[in-house]
């Protein structure tokens, strides 16, 4: 029997990790409430603690996100140019 893995958003993971950091509920209670495995809660909590310092660096991690967005936009521009050139040739013919 195969298992289906869920893909959780970054926002969801942060929410679970922050709840774990608060310490108001046990990991088992959090895992039950959010319907994830307890080891996943520990993993996300550890990840948050390890990477929290990156949030306060200059740019706050926005540089990577902005670079990715620019790359994506350049890719889209290239695709649109190819499509425009193709349609332009078709209209002339």
Protein backbone atom coordinates (compact mmCIF):
# COMPACT_ATOMS: atom_id res chain seq x y z
CA UNK A 1 0.00 0.00 0.00
CA UNK A 2 1.43 3.38 -0.99
CA UNK A 3 1.16 6.51 1.10
CA UNK A 4 0.24 9.90 -0.24
CA UNK A 5 2.52 12.70 0.91
CA UNK A 6 1.09 16.11 1.57
CA UNK A 7 2.90 19.23 0.43
CA UNK A 8 2.67 21.88 3.11
CA UNK A 9 3.12 25.57 2.38
CA UNK A 10 5.87 27.59 3.99
CA UNK A 11 3.22 29.57 5.85
CA UNK A 12 1.75 26.38 7.34
CA UNK A 13 5.19 25.13 8.39
CA UNK A 14 5.96 28.48 10.04
CA UNK A 15 2.64 28.40 11.87
CA UNK A 16 3.35 24.92 13.25
CA UNK A 17 6.95 25.81 14.17
CA UNK A 18 5.86 28.99 15.98
CA UNK A 19 3.21 27.06 17.88
CA UNK A 20 5.91 24.57 18.90
CA UNK A 21 8.19 27.40 20.05
CA UNK A 22 5.44 28.87 22.23
CA UNK A 23 5.40 25.66 24.23
CA UNK A 24 1.74 25.98 25.18
CA UNK A 25 1.00 22.51 23.78
CA UNK A 26 3.05 19.34 23.60
CA UNK A 27 4.50 18.19 20.29
CA UNK A 28 2.00 15.33 20.25
CA UNK A 29 -0.90 17.73 20.70
CA UNK A 30 0.40 19.98 17.94
CA UNK A 31 0.94 17.03 15.62
CA UNK A 32 -2.60 15.88 16.24
CA UNK A 33 -4.07 19.37 15.81
CA UNK A 34 -2.20 20.07 12.57
CA UNK A 35 -2.40 16.46 11.34
CA UNK A 36 1.34 15.99 10.85
CA UNK A 37 3.86 13.56 12.31
CA UNK A 38 5.53 14.67 15.57
CA UNK A 39 8.99 14.35 14.00
CA UNK A 40 7.86 16.85 11.37
CA UNK A 41 6.97 19.34 14.10
CA UNK A 42 10.44 18.91 15.63
CA UNK A 43 12.06 19.32 12.22
CA UNK A 44 10.20 22.54 11.37
CA UNK A 45 10.88 23.95 14.83
CA UNK A 46 14.61 23.22 14.49
CA UNK A 47 14.62 24.73 10.98
CA UNK A 48 12.98 27.90 12.28
CA UNK A 49 15.50 28.25 15.07
CA UNK A 50 18.45 27.67 12.74
CA UNK A 51 17.30 30.12 10.08
CA UNK A 52 15.71 32.84 12.21
CA UNK A 53 18.88 34.94 12.02
CA UNK A 54 18.58 35.13 8.22
CA UNK A 55 15.38 37.13 8.59
CA UNK A 56 17.23 40.01 10.17
CA UNK A 57 20.11 40.21 7.71
CA UNK A 58 20.20 43.12 5.29
CA UNK A 59 17.42 42.44 2.83
CA UNK A 60 15.89 39.80 5.08
CA UNK A 61 16.16 37.05 2.47
CA UNK A 62 14.29 39.21 0.01
CA UNK A 63 17.30 39.35 -2.31
CA UNK A 64 16.98 35.69 -3.26
CA UNK A 65 13.25 36.02 -3.75
CA UNK A 66 13.73 39.10 -5.90
CA UNK A 67 16.45 37.38 -7.97
CA UNK A 68 14.14 34.42 -8.54
CA UNK A 69 11.34 36.76 -9.60
CA UNK A 70 13.61 38.61 -12.02
CA UNK A 71 14.79 35.32 -13.54
CA UNK A 72 11.19 34.19 -13.92
CA UNK A 73 10.23 37.48 -15.58
CA UNK A 74 13.17 37.28 -18.01
CA UNK A 75 12.09 33.76 -18.91
CA UNK A 76 8.55 34.98 -19.54
CA UNK A 77 9.83 37.87 -21.68
CA UNK A 78 11.85 35.44 -23.78
CA UNK A 79 8.85 33.16 -24.23
CA UNK A 80 6.63 36.09 -25.25
CA UNK A 81 9.23 37.30 -27.78
CA UNK A 82 9.36 33.86 -29.38
CA UNK A 83 5.57 33.70 -29.55
CA UNK A 84 5.35 37.22 -30.97
CA UNK A 85 7.95 36.48 -33.65
CA UNK A 86 6.17 33.25 -34.56
CA UNK A 87 2.80 34.99 -34.90
CA UNK A 88 4.35 37.85 -36.85
CA UNK A 89 5.77 35.38 -39.39
CA UNK A 90 2.43 33.55 -39.63
CA UNK A 91 0.55 36.78 -40.29
CA UNK A 92 2.91 37.74 -43.12
CA UNK A 93 2.55 34.39 -44.84
